[in-house]
């Protein structure tokens, strides 16, 4: 009987379904502004930060405050949070929660409860097994070893609106779980207002663009300049100064989907509050035509004010329709004196967190400025590395003296800036070509060295020399073509660095050779003539006559084989080799040669 009773109980228990945990509502794609709000809080240098932010929002049911709570909880469980509580990060400039939820109240309190001058979420007393998420629903804290993969969701999604994305305590904010040194020096001392910009006169406080910025009338524009001249800094200053909403995107990570999301949010915001939207798009040259076209109508209508940043010539990388609606602002490469001034300002800036007893001679600053080649970011980060390398091994509070040798090791790069696929590539090959054409041997060798020492393919340079030998030297010295083709063969057989002298010899030969553009100009004129008269008939006397019938109808009649006539040149009055309507045409000018030289062969 005991068996039957046990079986009955088991049957009864099996007939009852176990209690099920209520399923979380499906969460759709998160808006770009929500993702940006979470990205602001994540530590710098985090791999695939965008995916992490999206995962946190998904696990928190779409709530930004809940995502931040979840992030801090995971850090604490892994022992990565500071002993005093959560990292000191102020999300309030970016996030506004207007739903009256516990998360909104807690976020409001966090604006008041600050530490160290930077707002932070105030730590809340909780049990070891529970944490309160943005919706007020209590959840069991995930296990430590599963902290970054456990999926926990809120029971409902809250309404969140994002205000203007700009920091209030300056453009550089650091948290306590990443010491200052983990943030590059160039970021820690990034300028926060126009008056701190060095070396860019177009953005002085009394410049037209500076006045437009102060009046909050900044137009759509593209910042074009080399790396490290202040493009991103200027965009962040615009974000801090304007009263418009600012959204920042990188063209390497965003596409048409993100643009549509931003346009939808901008349209809603303008209809509700009348506030306009600025889109800062970094690396804008990486967008293709379809992506640029998706943004075009909204820039044209004024819904979006576009601020793009690029190191590439926008006339090549941006389509004409979008470029015509933006003002191109050229940011000059920083001079040596400007770089030195920036380095000195960084040494005196408390935000740099550099040692107070560091000693950097003027000669070292000058050397760094020279080697940085106009790139302030490179110079600043090299200075920081040189200081770290110069610290005494004892760790005592001793003076830190930076030597020129240490600074050179800290730079860790060549001072030659050369992009084989960018505009500078064509600028330097043009300089080489024009220097050889002007017969300046010294300048020609200099530009050749600039290319070869920066990694240019020697075969490419030799192909240009072959062209130069016929276009610019021509029949003034036919041997130049042999020199160029021989150099090309050597470059293919030897490669760099063995072929560098061979290529240099060919360059020097081209520069020293007499010049004649007679062949180049004659052929150019012939091409134009063919375009005007593409189908004139071949004169009968120079037609081929392989059959008797052709000879009977006049093919080849009157033609004299020159060797049979002692190579006598036939007068054009008696026999023309042009079509009838082009008789007496002249294309080649034997006098088109550098003075003092004869055309070869005569």
Protein backbone atom coordinates (compact mmCIF):
# COMPACT_ATOMS: atom_id res chain seq x y z
CA UNK A 1 0.00 0.00 0.00
CA UNK A 2 2.87 2.27 0.70
CA UNK A 3 4.01 1.81 -2.89
CA UNK A 4 0.57 2.69 -4.22
CA UNK A 5 0.44 5.81 -2.03
CA UNK A 6 3.84 6.89 -3.16
CA UNK A 7 2.84 6.39 -6.78
CA UNK A 8 -0.33 8.37 -6.27
CA UNK A 9 1.60 11.24 -4.75
CA UNK A 10 4.09 11.14 -7.58
CA UNK A 11 1.28 11.13 -10.12
CA UNK A 12 -0.39 14.06 -8.43
CA UNK A 13 2.85 15.99 -8.34
CA UNK A 14 3.61 15.26 -12.00
CA UNK A 15 0.15 16.44 -13.05
CA UNK A 16 0.83 19.89 -11.62
CA UNK A 17 3.01 22.11 -13.82
CA UNK A 18 5.82 23.86 -11.95
CA UNK A 19 5.46 27.56 -11.35
CA UNK A 20 6.70 29.50 -14.36
CA UNK A 21 8.62 32.77 -14.15
CA UNK A 22 6.75 35.44 -16.07
CA UNK A 23 8.41 36.04 -19.43
CA UNK A 24 9.90 39.43 -20.14
CA UNK A 25 8.34 41.51 -22.88
CA UNK A 26 10.11 41.47 -26.23
CA UNK A 27 12.45 44.36 -26.57
CA UNK A 28 12.86 45.89 -30.00
CA UNK A 29 15.90 47.72 -31.40
CA UNK A 30 17.19 50.40 -29.08
CA UNK A 31 17.37 54.00 -30.21
CA UNK A 32 20.73 55.56 -30.96
CA UNK A 33 20.32 58.09 -28.17
CA UNK A 34 19.80 55.33 -25.58
CA UNK A 35 22.91 53.53 -26.76
CA UNK A 36 24.94 56.75 -26.68
CA UNK A 37 23.75 57.45 -23.13
CA UNK A 38 25.05 54.08 -21.94
CA UNK A 39 28.26 54.42 -23.98
CA UNK A 40 29.09 57.61 -22.06
CA UNK A 41 29.32 55.60 -18.85
CA UNK A 42 31.30 52.63 -20.10
CA UNK A 43 35.06 52.78 -19.41
CA UNK A 44 37.29 54.05 -22.24
CA UNK A 45 39.06 51.46 -24.32
CA UNK A 46 36.36 48.81 -23.82
CA UNK A 47 36.34 46.37 -26.74
CA UNK A 48 33.11 46.38 -28.77
CA UNK A 49 31.58 48.96 -26.41
CA UNK A 50 28.56 49.44 -28.64
CA UNK A 51 27.59 45.77 -28.43
CA UNK A 52 28.05 45.87 -24.63
CA UNK A 53 25.76 48.92 -24.38
CA UNK A 54 23.12 47.24 -26.55
CA UNK A 55 23.32 44.06 -24.44
CA UNK A 56 22.93 46.03 -21.20
CA UNK A 57 19.85 47.81 -22.56
CA UNK A 58 18.37 44.51 -23.70
CA UNK A 59 18.97 42.88 -20.30
CA UNK A 60 17.49 45.92 -18.56
CA UNK A 61 14.36 45.88 -20.66
CA UNK A 62 15.29 49.03 -22.59
CA UNK A 63 15.72 51.24 -19.51
CA UNK A 64 18.86 53.39 -19.53
CA UNK A 65 18.84 53.72 -15.73
CA UNK A 66 18.33 49.98 -15.40
CA UNK A 67 21.20 49.31 -17.79
CA UNK A 68 23.49 51.52 -15.70
CA UNK A 69 22.37 49.74 -12.50
CA UNK A 70 23.06 46.40 -14.13
CA UNK A 71 26.49 47.51 -15.31
CA UNK A 72 27.50 48.72 -11.82
CA UNK A 73 26.15 45.54 -10.22
CA UNK A 74 28.24 43.40 -12.53
CA UNK A 75 31.34 45.43 -11.77
CA UNK A 76 30.77 45.07 -8.04
CA UNK A 77 30.22 41.34 -8.32
CA UNK A 78 33.51 41.00 -10.16
CA UNK A 79 35.37 43.05 -7.59
CA UNK A 80 36.10 45.82 -10.10
CA UNK A 81 34.18 48.66 -8.43
CA UNK A 82 35.87 51.02 -5.92
CA UNK A 83 35.38 50.45 -2.22
CA UNK A 84 33.56 53.77 -1.85
CA UNK A 85 30.72 52.72 -4.11
CA UNK A 86 30.03 53.01 -7.81
CA UNK A 87 32.37 54.69 -10.24
CA UNK A 88 32.11 58.47 -10.15
CA UNK A 89 30.33 59.09 -13.43
CA UNK A 90 27.73 61.74 -14.11
CA UNK A 91 25.15 60.49 -16.61
CA UNK A 92 22.74 63.35 -15.92
CA UNK A 93 23.85 65.63 -18.77
CA UNK A 94 22.78 62.97 -21.25
CA UNK A 95 19.80 61.24 -19.61
CA UNK A 96 16.45 62.65 -18.56
CA UNK A 97 13.85 60.26 -17.12
CA UNK A 98 10.40 61.81 -16.90
CA UNK A 99 8.24 58.85 -16.01
CA UNK A 100 8.04 59.27 -12.23
CA UNK A 101 9.52 55.84 -11.67
CA UNK A 102 11.88 54.90 -8.79
CA UNK A 103 14.68 55.10 -11.35
CA UNK A 104 13.74 58.71 -12.10
CA UNK A 105 13.72 59.59 -8.40
CA UNK A 106 17.04 57.86 -7.83
CA UNK A 107 18.54 59.63 -10.86
CA UNK A 108 17.24 62.96 -9.57
CA UNK A 109 18.91 62.32 -6.20
CA UNK A 110 22.15 61.43 -7.95
CA UNK A 111 22.36 64.96 -9.33
CA UNK A 112 22.47 66.31 -5.81
CA UNK A 113 24.62 63.67 -4.16
CA UNK A 114 28.07 64.30 -5.65
CA UNK A 115 31.60 63.41 -4.71
CA UNK A 116 34.76 65.15 -5.83
CA UNK A 117 32.82 67.73 -7.86
CA UNK A 118 31.52 65.12 -10.32
CA UNK A 119 27.99 63.80 -9.98
CA UNK A 120 27.62 60.12 -9.23
CA UNK A 121 24.89 57.62 -8.49
CA UNK A 122 24.53 57.56 -4.71
CA UNK A 123 25.09 54.05 -3.38
CA UNK A 124 21.97 52.50 -1.98
CA UNK A 125 21.70 50.04 0.90
CA UNK A 126 20.70 46.65 -0.44
CA UNK A 127 20.87 43.10 0.70
CA UNK A 128 23.57 40.85 -0.62
CA UNK A 129 21.09 38.86 -2.64
CA UNK A 130 18.91 41.58 -4.14
CA UNK A 131 19.32 44.72 -6.21
CA UNK A 132 16.70 47.22 -7.34
CA UNK A 133 16.56 47.91 -11.06
CA UNK A 134 15.25 51.02 -12.83
CA UNK A 135 11.65 49.83 -12.86
CA UNK A 136 11.51 49.23 -9.10
CA UNK A 137 11.25 45.46 -9.53
CA UNK A 138 13.53 43.43 -7.23
CA UNK A 139 15.64 40.80 -8.88
CA UNK A 140 18.06 38.19 -7.60
CA UNK A 141 21.61 39.33 -8.26
CA UNK A 142 23.35 37.16 -10.88
CA UNK A 143 26.14 34.84 -9.84
CA UNK A 144 29.63 36.26 -9.99
CA UNK A 145 30.99 33.84 -12.60
CA UNK A 146 27.95 34.44 -14.79
CA UNK A 147 27.74 38.18 -14.25
CA UNK A 148 28.36 39.35 -17.81
CA UNK A 149 26.18 36.80 -19.59
CA UNK A 150 23.06 36.44 -17.40
CA UNK A 151 19.98 37.84 -19.10
CA UNK A 152 17.68 39.67 -16.67
CA UNK A 153 14.90 41.92 -17.84
CA UNK A 154 12.46 44.32 -16.27
CA UNK A 155 8.76 43.64 -16.40
CA UNK A 156 8.01 46.81 -18.34
CA UNK A 157 9.86 49.30 -20.51
CA UNK A 158 9.94 52.90 -19.26
CA UNK A 159 9.70 56.05 -21.33
CA UNK A 160 13.07 57.73 -21.55
CA UNK A 161 14.03 60.92 -23.35
CA UNK A 162 17.57 61.99 -24.09
CA UNK A 163 18.61 65.59 -23.66
CA UNK A 164 21.58 67.26 -25.31
CA UNK A 165 24.66 65.05 -25.27
CA UNK A 166 27.35 67.20 -23.71
CA UNK A 167 29.38 67.06 -20.52
CA UNK A 168 28.93 69.70 -17.84
CA UNK A 169 32.20 69.28 -15.96
CA UNK A 170 34.46 69.76 -19.01
CA UNK A 171 34.98 67.56 -21.99
CA UNK A 172 37.15 64.97 -20.24
CA UNK A 173 35.53 62.92 -17.48
CA UNK A 174 37.30 59.99 -15.83
CA UNK A 175 35.97 57.39 -13.48
CA UNK A 176 37.61 55.80 -10.50
CA UNK A 177 37.93 52.33 -11.89
CA UNK A 178 40.31 53.67 -14.58
CA UNK A 179 43.16 55.75 -13.29
CA UNK A 180 44.07 58.86 -15.21
CA UNK A 181 46.99 57.21 -16.96
CA UNK A 182 44.65 54.80 -18.76
CA UNK A 183 43.14 57.79 -20.54
CA UNK A 184 45.68 59.23 -22.99
CA UNK A 185 47.13 62.61 -22.12
CA UNK A 186 45.68 64.06 -25.31
CA UNK A 187 42.19 63.25 -23.99
CA UNK A 188 42.82 64.54 -20.48
CA UNK A 189 43.93 67.96 -21.66
CA UNK A 190 41.51 68.30 -24.57
CA UNK A 191 40.40 71.97 -24.86
CA UNK A 192 36.91 72.75 -23.63
CA UNK A 193 36.38 76.24 -25.05
CA UNK A 194 37.43 78.29 -28.07
CA UNK A 195 39.95 80.30 -26.11
CA UNK A 196 41.96 77.12 -25.45
CA UNK A 197 42.31 76.22 -29.14
CA UNK A 198 45.93 76.70 -30.30
CA UNK A 199 47.11 77.03 -33.87
CA UNK A 200 43.76 77.33 -35.67
CA UNK A 201 43.06 80.98 -36.45
CA UNK A 202 39.78 80.09 -38.17
CA UNK A 203 38.32 79.35 -34.72
CA UNK A 204 39.53 82.28 -32.67
CA UNK A 205 36.89 83.97 -30.52
CA UNK A 206 36.72 86.95 -32.87
CA UNK A 207 36.69 84.94 -36.12
CA UNK A 208 33.49 84.63 -38.19
CA UNK A 209 33.07 80.96 -37.27
CA UNK A 210 33.77 81.73 -33.61
CA UNK A 211 31.07 84.40 -33.60
CA UNK A 212 28.58 82.08 -35.29
CA UNK A 213 29.29 79.48 -32.62
CA UNK A 214 28.81 81.92 -29.75
CA UNK A 215 25.52 83.05 -31.32
CA UNK A 216 24.45 79.40 -31.74
CA UNK A 217 24.14 79.81 -35.50
CA UNK A 218 26.81 77.33 -36.47
CA UNK A 219 26.08 76.00 -40.00
CA UNK A 220 26.53 72.58 -41.56
CA UNK A 221 30.22 72.16 -42.25
CA UNK A 222 33.00 69.64 -42.82
CA UNK A 223 36.23 69.90 -40.82
CA UNK A 224 39.03 68.85 -43.16
CA UNK A 225 42.58 68.45 -41.93
CA UNK A 226 45.28 65.96 -40.99
CA UNK A 227 45.22 63.93 -37.79
CA UNK A 228 45.77 65.68 -34.48
CA UNK A 229 44.89 69.26 -35.50
CA UNK A 230 41.71 69.63 -33.42
CA UNK A 231 38.76 68.40 -35.51
CA UNK A 232 37.17 66.35 -32.73
CA UNK A 233 37.98 68.98 -30.09
CA UNK A 234 36.19 71.65 -32.10
CA UNK A 235 33.16 69.41 -32.58
CA UNK A 236 32.97 68.77 -28.82
CA UNK A 237 33.27 72.51 -28.13
CA UNK A 238 30.33 73.05 -30.48
CA UNK A 239 28.42 70.38 -28.53
CA UNK A 240 29.16 72.12 -25.24
CA UNK A 241 28.36 75.63 -26.46
CA UNK A 242 25.19 75.13 -28.46
CA UNK A 243 21.67 74.87 -27.07
CA UNK A 244 20.77 72.39 -29.78
CA UNK A 245 20.68 68.66 -29.27
CA UNK A 246 23.96 67.04 -30.33
CA UNK A 247 24.37 63.44 -31.44
CA UNK A 248 27.82 61.98 -32.17
CA UNK A 249 28.38 59.11 -34.57
CA UNK A 250 31.38 57.43 -36.14
CA UNK A 251 31.05 56.57 -39.81
CA UNK A 252 33.03 53.40 -39.15
CA UNK A 253 30.26 52.02 -36.90
CA UNK A 254 27.03 53.69 -38.04
CA UNK A 255 24.98 53.41 -41.19
CA UNK A 256 21.60 54.22 -42.72
CA UNK A 257 19.71 52.56 -39.84
CA UNK A 258 21.26 54.90 -37.28
CA UNK A 259 20.60 57.91 -39.50
CA UNK A 260 16.91 57.04 -39.72
CA UNK A 261 16.72 56.68 -35.95
CA UNK A 262 18.36 60.08 -35.42
CA UNK A 263 16.12 61.72 -38.02
CA UNK A 264 13.02 60.29 -36.32
CA UNK A 265 14.16 61.59 -32.93
CA UNK A 266 15.08 64.98 -34.41
CA UNK A 267 11.69 65.30 -36.09
CA UNK A 268 9.88 64.48 -32.84
CA UNK A 269 12.02 66.86 -30.81
CA UNK A 270 11.52 69.77 -33.19
CA UNK A 271 7.77 69.25 -33.19
CA UNK A 272 7.62 69.09 -29.39
CA UNK A 273 10.17 71.67 -28.28
CA UNK A 274 11.35 73.42 -31.43
CA UNK A 275 14.94 72.41 -30.60
CA UNK A 276 17.16 71.57 -33.54
CA UNK A 277 19.64 68.71 -33.83
CA UNK A 278 23.34 68.70 -34.68
CA UNK A 279 24.90 65.48 -35.96
CA UNK A 280 28.66 65.17 -35.53
CA UNK A 281 29.86 62.47 -37.92
CA UNK A 282 33.49 61.49 -37.44
CA UNK A 283 35.40 59.90 -40.34
CA UNK A 284 32.64 61.03 -42.72
CA UNK A 285 34.74 60.06 -45.74
CA UNK A 286 34.15 56.39 -44.90
CA UNK A 287 30.47 56.65 -45.81
CA UNK A 288 29.51 55.50 -49.29
CA UNK A 289 27.18 57.37 -51.64
CA UNK A 290 24.02 55.56 -50.47
CA UNK A 291 24.72 56.41 -46.83
CA UNK A 292 25.41 60.04 -47.67
CA UNK A 293 22.25 60.24 -49.77
CA UNK A 294 20.19 59.06 -46.78
CA UNK A 295 21.33 62.15 -44.87
CA UNK A 296 21.09 64.65 -47.74
CA UNK A 297 17.37 65.63 -47.63
CA UNK A 298 17.44 66.25 -43.89
CA UNK A 299 20.52 68.47 -44.13
CA UNK A 300 18.88 70.29 -47.02
CA UNK A 301 15.65 70.86 -45.06
CA UNK A 302 17.54 72.11 -41.99
CA UNK A 303 16.27 69.32 -39.75
CA UNK A 304 19.86 68.15 -39.24
CA UNK A 305 22.91 70.40 -38.96
CA UNK A 306 25.81 68.25 -40.09
CA UNK A 307 29.32 68.59 -38.71
CA UNK A 308 31.65 66.14 -40.41
CA UNK A 309 35.31 65.44 -39.70
CA UNK A 310 37.66 63.95 -42.26
CA UNK A 311 41.33 63.59 -43.08
CA UNK A 312 40.56 63.03 -46.77
CA UNK A 313 39.86 65.65 -49.40
CA UNK A 314 36.04 66.08 -49.23
CA UNK A 315 35.87 66.91 -52.93
CA UNK A 316 36.88 63.28 -53.55
CA UNK A 317 35.16 61.48 -50.68
CA UNK A 318 31.80 63.33 -50.41
CA UNK A 319 29.19 63.49 -53.12
CA UNK A 320 28.68 66.90 -54.66
CA UNK A 321 25.09 67.31 -53.51
CA UNK A 322 25.97 66.91 -49.83
CA UNK A 323 29.18 68.90 -50.13
CA UNK A 324 27.34 71.84 -51.72
CA UNK A 325 25.19 72.14 -48.59
CA UNK A 326 28.13 72.24 -46.21
CA UNK A 327 30.88 74.73 -45.61
CA UNK A 328 34.35 73.17 -45.84
CA UNK A 329 36.57 74.37 -42.97
CA UNK A 330 40.23 73.63 -43.64
CA UNK A 331 42.18 73.01 -40.44
CA UNK A 332 45.85 73.69 -41.01
CA UNK A 333 48.62 71.35 -39.99
CA UNK A 334 49.96 72.64 -36.67
CA UNK A 335 53.31 74.39 -36.78
CA UNK A 336 56.24 73.55 -34.54
CA UNK A 337 55.66 76.56 -32.28
CA UNK A 338 51.99 75.65 -31.84
CA UNK A 339 52.92 72.09 -30.83
CA UNK A 340 55.44 73.42 -28.29
CA UNK A 341 52.79 75.73 -26.83
CA UNK A 342 50.37 72.81 -26.54
CA UNK A 343 52.99 70.68 -24.76
CA UNK A 344 53.79 73.45 -22.30
CA UNK A 345 50.10 74.01 -21.60
CA UNK A 346 49.69 70.29 -20.90
CA UNK A 347 52.59 70.30 -18.40
CA UNK A 348 50.94 73.19 -16.53
CA UNK A 349 47.41 71.77 -16.69
CA UNK A 350 46.24 70.11 -13.42
CA UNK A 351 43.95 67.85 -15.43
CA UNK A 352 46.98 66.27 -17.08
CA UNK A 353 47.77 64.35 -13.84
CA UNK A 354 51.45 64.46 -14.78
CA UNK A 355 54.05 64.50 -11.97
CA UNK A 356 54.53 67.93 -10.45
CA UNK A 357 58.30 67.54 -10.33
CA UNK A 358 58.81 66.65 -13.99
CA UNK A 359 61.56 68.46 -15.84
CA UNK A 360 61.31 68.65 -19.63
CA UNK A 361 63.97 70.84 -21.30
CA UNK A 362 62.99 73.15 -24.15
CA UNK A 363 65.20 71.12 -26.47
CA UNK A 364 63.10 68.01 -25.77
CA UNK A 365 59.84 69.88 -26.42
CA UNK A 366 61.28 71.22 -29.66
CA UNK A 367 62.35 67.73 -30.71
CA UNK A 368 58.93 66.27 -29.97
CA UNK A 369 57.24 69.09 -31.90
CA UNK A 370 59.54 68.51 -34.85
CA UNK A 371 59.03 64.76 -34.95
CA UNK A 372 55.26 64.92 -34.37
CA UNK A 373 54.96 66.65 -37.77
CA UNK A 374 51.96 68.78 -36.87
CA UNK A 375 50.07 66.10 -34.94
CA UNK A 376 49.31 67.39 -31.42
CA UNK A 377 47.84 64.07 -30.29
CA UNK A 378 51.03 62.24 -31.21
CA UNK A 379 53.20 64.84 -29.45
CA UNK A 380 51.13 64.77 -26.24
CA UNK A 381 50.99 61.00 -25.98
CA UNK A 382 54.71 60.73 -26.74
CA UNK A 383 55.41 63.25 -23.96
CA UNK A 384 53.39 61.20 -21.48
CA UNK A 385 55.15 57.98 -22.45
CA UNK A 386 58.56 59.66 -22.18
CA UNK A 387 57.71 60.90 -18.68
CA UNK A 388 56.58 57.43 -17.60
CA UNK A 389 59.78 55.94 -18.99
CA UNK A 390 61.86 58.52 -17.10
CA UNK A 391 60.37 57.91 -13.65
CA UNK A 392 62.95 56.60 -11.14
CA UNK A 393 62.77 52.88 -10.41
CA UNK A 394 62.76 53.57 -6.65
CA UNK A 395 59.28 55.05 -6.91
CA UNK A 396 60.28 57.85 -4.55
CA UNK A 397 59.14 61.41 -5.06
CA UNK A 398 62.27 62.37 -6.99
CA UNK A 399 62.51 64.83 -9.88
CA UNK A 400 61.63 63.27 -13.24
CA UNK A 401 64.06 64.43 -15.92
CA UNK A 402 63.14 63.64 -19.52
CA UNK A 403 66.03 63.31 -21.97
CA UNK A 404 65.99 63.69 -25.74
CA UNK A 405 66.76 59.97 -26.18
CA UNK A 406 63.81 58.95 -24.01
CA UNK A 407 61.50 61.33 -25.85
CA UNK A 408 62.58 59.86 -29.17
CA UNK A 409 61.82 56.33 -27.93
CA UNK A 410 58.49 57.56 -26.60
CA UNK A 411 57.48 58.83 -30.01
CA UNK A 412 57.77 55.32 -31.48
CA UNK A 413 57.01 56.36 -35.02
CA UNK A 414 58.54 57.80 -38.16
CA UNK A 415 58.12 61.52 -38.64
CA UNK A 416 57.24 60.99 -42.28
CA UNK A 417 53.51 61.30 -42.97
CA UNK A 418 52.56 59.57 -46.20
CA UNK A 419 49.33 57.89 -47.22
CA UNK A 420 49.74 55.67 -50.26
CA UNK A 421 46.01 55.90 -51.02
CA UNK A 422 45.34 59.48 -49.93
CA UNK A 423 45.82 62.96 -51.27
CA UNK A 424 49.40 63.28 -49.98
CA UNK A 425 50.41 60.41 -52.26
CA UNK A 426 49.43 62.42 -55.33
CA UNK A 427 50.83 65.65 -53.94
CA UNK A 428 54.33 64.19 -53.53
CA UNK A 429 54.46 62.36 -56.87
CA UNK A 430 53.39 65.65 -58.46
CA UNK A 431 56.22 67.42 -56.64
CA UNK A 432 58.72 64.86 -57.96
CA UNK A 433 57.44 65.17 -61.52
CA UNK A 434 57.55 68.97 -61.51
CA UNK A 435 61.01 69.06 -59.91
CA UNK A 436 62.45 66.81 -62.65
CA UNK A 437 60.70 68.88 -65.32
CA UNK A 438 62.37 72.00 -63.88
CA UNK A 439 65.77 70.19 -63.99
CA UNK A 440 66.20 70.58 -60.21
CA UNK A 441 68.20 67.48 -59.33
CA UNK A 442 68.36 68.20 -55.58
CA UNK A 443 64.62 68.73 -55.14
CA UNK A 444 63.91 65.66 -57.28
CA UNK A 445 66.05 63.44 -55.07
CA UNK A 446 64.42 64.90 -51.94
CA UNK A 447 60.88 64.07 -53.08
CA UNK A 448 62.04 60.63 -54.18
CA UNK A 449 63.44 60.00 -50.69
CA UNK A 450 60.19 61.22 -49.12
CA UNK A 451 58.31 58.56 -51.03
CA UNK A 452 60.71 55.63 -50.75
CA UNK A 453 61.48 56.13 -47.04
CA UNK A 454 57.74 56.32 -46.29
CA UNK A 455 57.10 52.95 -47.88
CA UNK A 456 56.06 53.81 -51.43
CA UNK A 457 56.40 51.03 -53.99
CA UNK A 458 59.54 51.68 -56.07
CA UNK A 459 57.84 50.09 -59.10
CA UNK A 460 55.14 52.75 -59.02
CA UNK A 461 57.78 55.50 -59.10
CA UNK A 462 59.58 53.78 -61.99
CA UNK A 463 56.35 53.59 -63.99
CA UNK A 464 56.06 57.35 -63.58
CA UNK A 465 59.68 57.73 -64.75
CA UNK A 466 58.94 55.75 -67.92
CA UNK A 467 56.09 58.12 -68.68
CA UNK A 468 58.27 61.14 -67.87
CA UNK A 469 61.02 59.93 -70.21
CA UNK A 470 58.70 60.25 -73.23
CA UNK A 471 56.42 63.06 -72.10
CA UNK A 472 59.03 65.54 -70.84
CA UNK A 473 62.39 64.39 -72.25
CA UNK A 474 61.26 62.79 -75.48
CA UNK A 475 63.52 63.02 -78.53
CA UNK A 476 65.79 65.56 -76.86
CA UNK A 477 67.45 62.50 -75.27
CA UNK A 478 66.01 59.12 -76.34
CA UNK A 479 68.39 57.38 -73.91
CA UNK A 480 66.18 58.60 -71.03
CA UNK A 481 63.55 56.00 -71.92
CA UNK A 482 66.18 53.25 -71.68
CA UNK A 483 67.27 54.54 -68.26
CA UNK A 484 63.66 54.54 -67.01
CA UNK A 485 62.82 51.04 -68.25
CA UNK A 486 66.10 49.70 -66.85
CA UNK A 487 65.26 51.21 -63.45
CA UNK A 488 61.82 49.59 -63.58
CA UNK A 489 63.38 46.19 -64.32
CA UNK A 490 65.84 46.63 -61.43
CA UNK A 491 63.03 47.57 -59.06
CA UNK A 492 61.15 44.40 -60.00
CA UNK A 493 64.24 42.16 -59.76
CA UNK A 494 65.86 43.65 -56.62
CA UNK A 495 63.13 45.34 -54.65
CA UNK A 496 63.73 47.74 -51.77
CA UNK A 497 66.08 48.73 -50.27
CA UNK A 498 68.60 47.46 -52.83
CA UNK A 499 67.00 49.29 -55.76
CA UNK A 500 66.86 52.73 -54.11
CA UNK A 501 70.13 53.95 -55.69
CA UNK A 502 69.07 52.60 -59.09
CA UNK A 503 65.85 54.59 -58.94
CA UNK A 504 67.77 57.63 -57.70
CA UNK A 505 70.12 57.38 -60.71
CA UNK A 506 67.16 57.35 -63.08
CA UNK A 507 65.60 60.35 -61.32
CA UNK A 508 68.87 62.30 -61.49
CA UNK A 509 69.23 61.39 -65.19
CA UNK A 510 65.70 62.65 -65.95
CA UNK A 511 66.31 65.90 -64.09
CA UNK A 512 69.63 66.54 -65.90
CA UNK A 513 68.45 65.49 -69.37
CA UNK A 514 67.42 68.09 -72.00
CA UNK A 515 63.68 68.50 -72.23
CA UNK A 516 61.29 68.40 -75.17
CA UNK A 517 57.52 68.08 -75.14
CA UNK A 518 57.28 67.90 -78.93
CA UNK A 519 56.10 64.27 -79.05
CA UNK A 520 53.65 64.75 -76.17
CA UNK A 521 52.08 67.83 -77.72
CA UNK A 522 52.01 66.37 -81.23
CA UNK A 523 50.19 63.26 -80.10
CA UNK A 524 47.75 65.32 -78.02
CA UNK A 525 46.96 67.38 -81.14
CA UNK A 526 46.56 64.17 -83.17
CA UNK A 527 44.00 62.84 -80.68
CA UNK A 528 41.99 66.04 -80.90
CA UNK A 529 42.13 65.88 -84.70
CA UNK A 530 40.85 62.31 -84.73
CA UNK A 531 37.92 63.29 -82.50
CA UNK A 532 36.93 65.98 -85.01
CA UNK A 533 37.47 63.82 -88.14
CA UNK A 534 37.07 60.21 -87.01
CA UNK A 535 36.31 58.51 -90.36
CA UNK A 536 38.07 60.30 -93.22
CA UNK A 537 38.96 57.80 -96.00
CA UNK A 538 42.53 56.61 -96.48
CA UNK A 539 44.09 58.10 -99.65
CA UNK A 540 44.18 55.58 -102.51
CA UNK A 541 47.94 55.73 -103.05
CA UNK A 542 48.75 54.49 -99.53
CA UNK A 543 46.12 51.76 -99.39
CA UNK A 544 47.23 48.13 -99.32
CA UNK A 545 46.78 46.24 -102.63
CA UNK A 546 47.23 42.50 -102.03
CA UNK A 547 45.00 41.46 -104.98
CA UNK A 548 44.95 42.26 -108.65
CA UNK A 549 41.42 43.65 -108.45
CA UNK A 550 42.52 46.17 -105.82
CA UNK A 551 45.38 47.31 -108.02
CA UNK A 552 42.99 47.70 -110.96
CA UNK A 553 40.68 50.00 -109.03
CA UNK A 554 43.63 52.18 -107.94
CA UNK A 555 44.75 50.87 -104.59
CA UNK A 556 48.42 51.85 -104.04
CA UNK A 557 48.66 53.71 -107.37
CA UNK A 558 51.48 56.26 -107.39
CA UNK A 559 53.14 55.04 -104.22
CA UNK A 560 56.95 54.90 -104.36
CA UNK A 561 58.87 52.55 -102.06
CA UNK A 562 61.44 54.89 -100.37
CA UNK A 563 64.42 52.45 -100.45
CA UNK A 564 63.93 52.22 -104.22
CA UNK A 565 64.16 56.00 -104.48
CA UNK A 566 67.31 56.44 -102.31
CA UNK A 567 65.00 57.44 -99.43
CA UNK A 568 64.15 60.71 -101.08
CA UNK A 569 61.52 62.61 -99.14
CA UNK A 570 58.49 63.19 -101.35
CA UNK A 571 57.11 66.73 -101.43
CA UNK A 572 53.68 67.04 -99.86
CA UNK A 573 52.60 69.05 -102.89
CA UNK A 574 53.00 65.97 -105.03
CA UNK A 575 51.97 63.25 -102.56
CA UNK A 576 50.16 63.70 -99.21
CA UNK A 577 49.84 60.99 -96.64
CA UNK A 578 46.89 62.70 -94.90
CA UNK A 579 43.26 62.40 -95.94
CA UNK A 580 42.41 64.91 -98.63
CA UNK A 581 40.71 67.42 -96.32
CA UNK A 582 43.66 67.37 -93.88
CA UNK A 583 46.38 68.03 -96.42
CA UNK A 584 49.23 70.26 -95.16
CA UNK A 585 48.32 69.61 -91.49
CA UNK A 586 51.29 70.02 -89.10
CA UNK A 587 51.36 68.33 -85.67
CA UNK A 588 55.03 67.87 -84.72
CA UNK A 589 57.16 70.91 -83.94
CA UNK A 590 60.85 70.10 -84.22
CA UNK A 591 61.67 73.40 -82.59
CA UNK A 592 59.84 72.42 -79.38
CA UNK A 593 63.02 71.64 -77.44
CA UNK A 594 65.07 73.10 -74.63
CA UNK A 595 67.36 75.85 -76.03
CA UNK A 596 70.89 74.71 -76.81
CA UNK A 597 69.93 71.15 -77.76
CA UNK A 598 69.04 69.40 -81.03
CA UNK A 599 66.23 66.95 -81.67
CA UNK A 600 67.48 63.36 -81.91
CA UNK A 601 67.38 61.89 -84.46
CA UNK A 602 67.51 64.90 -86.76
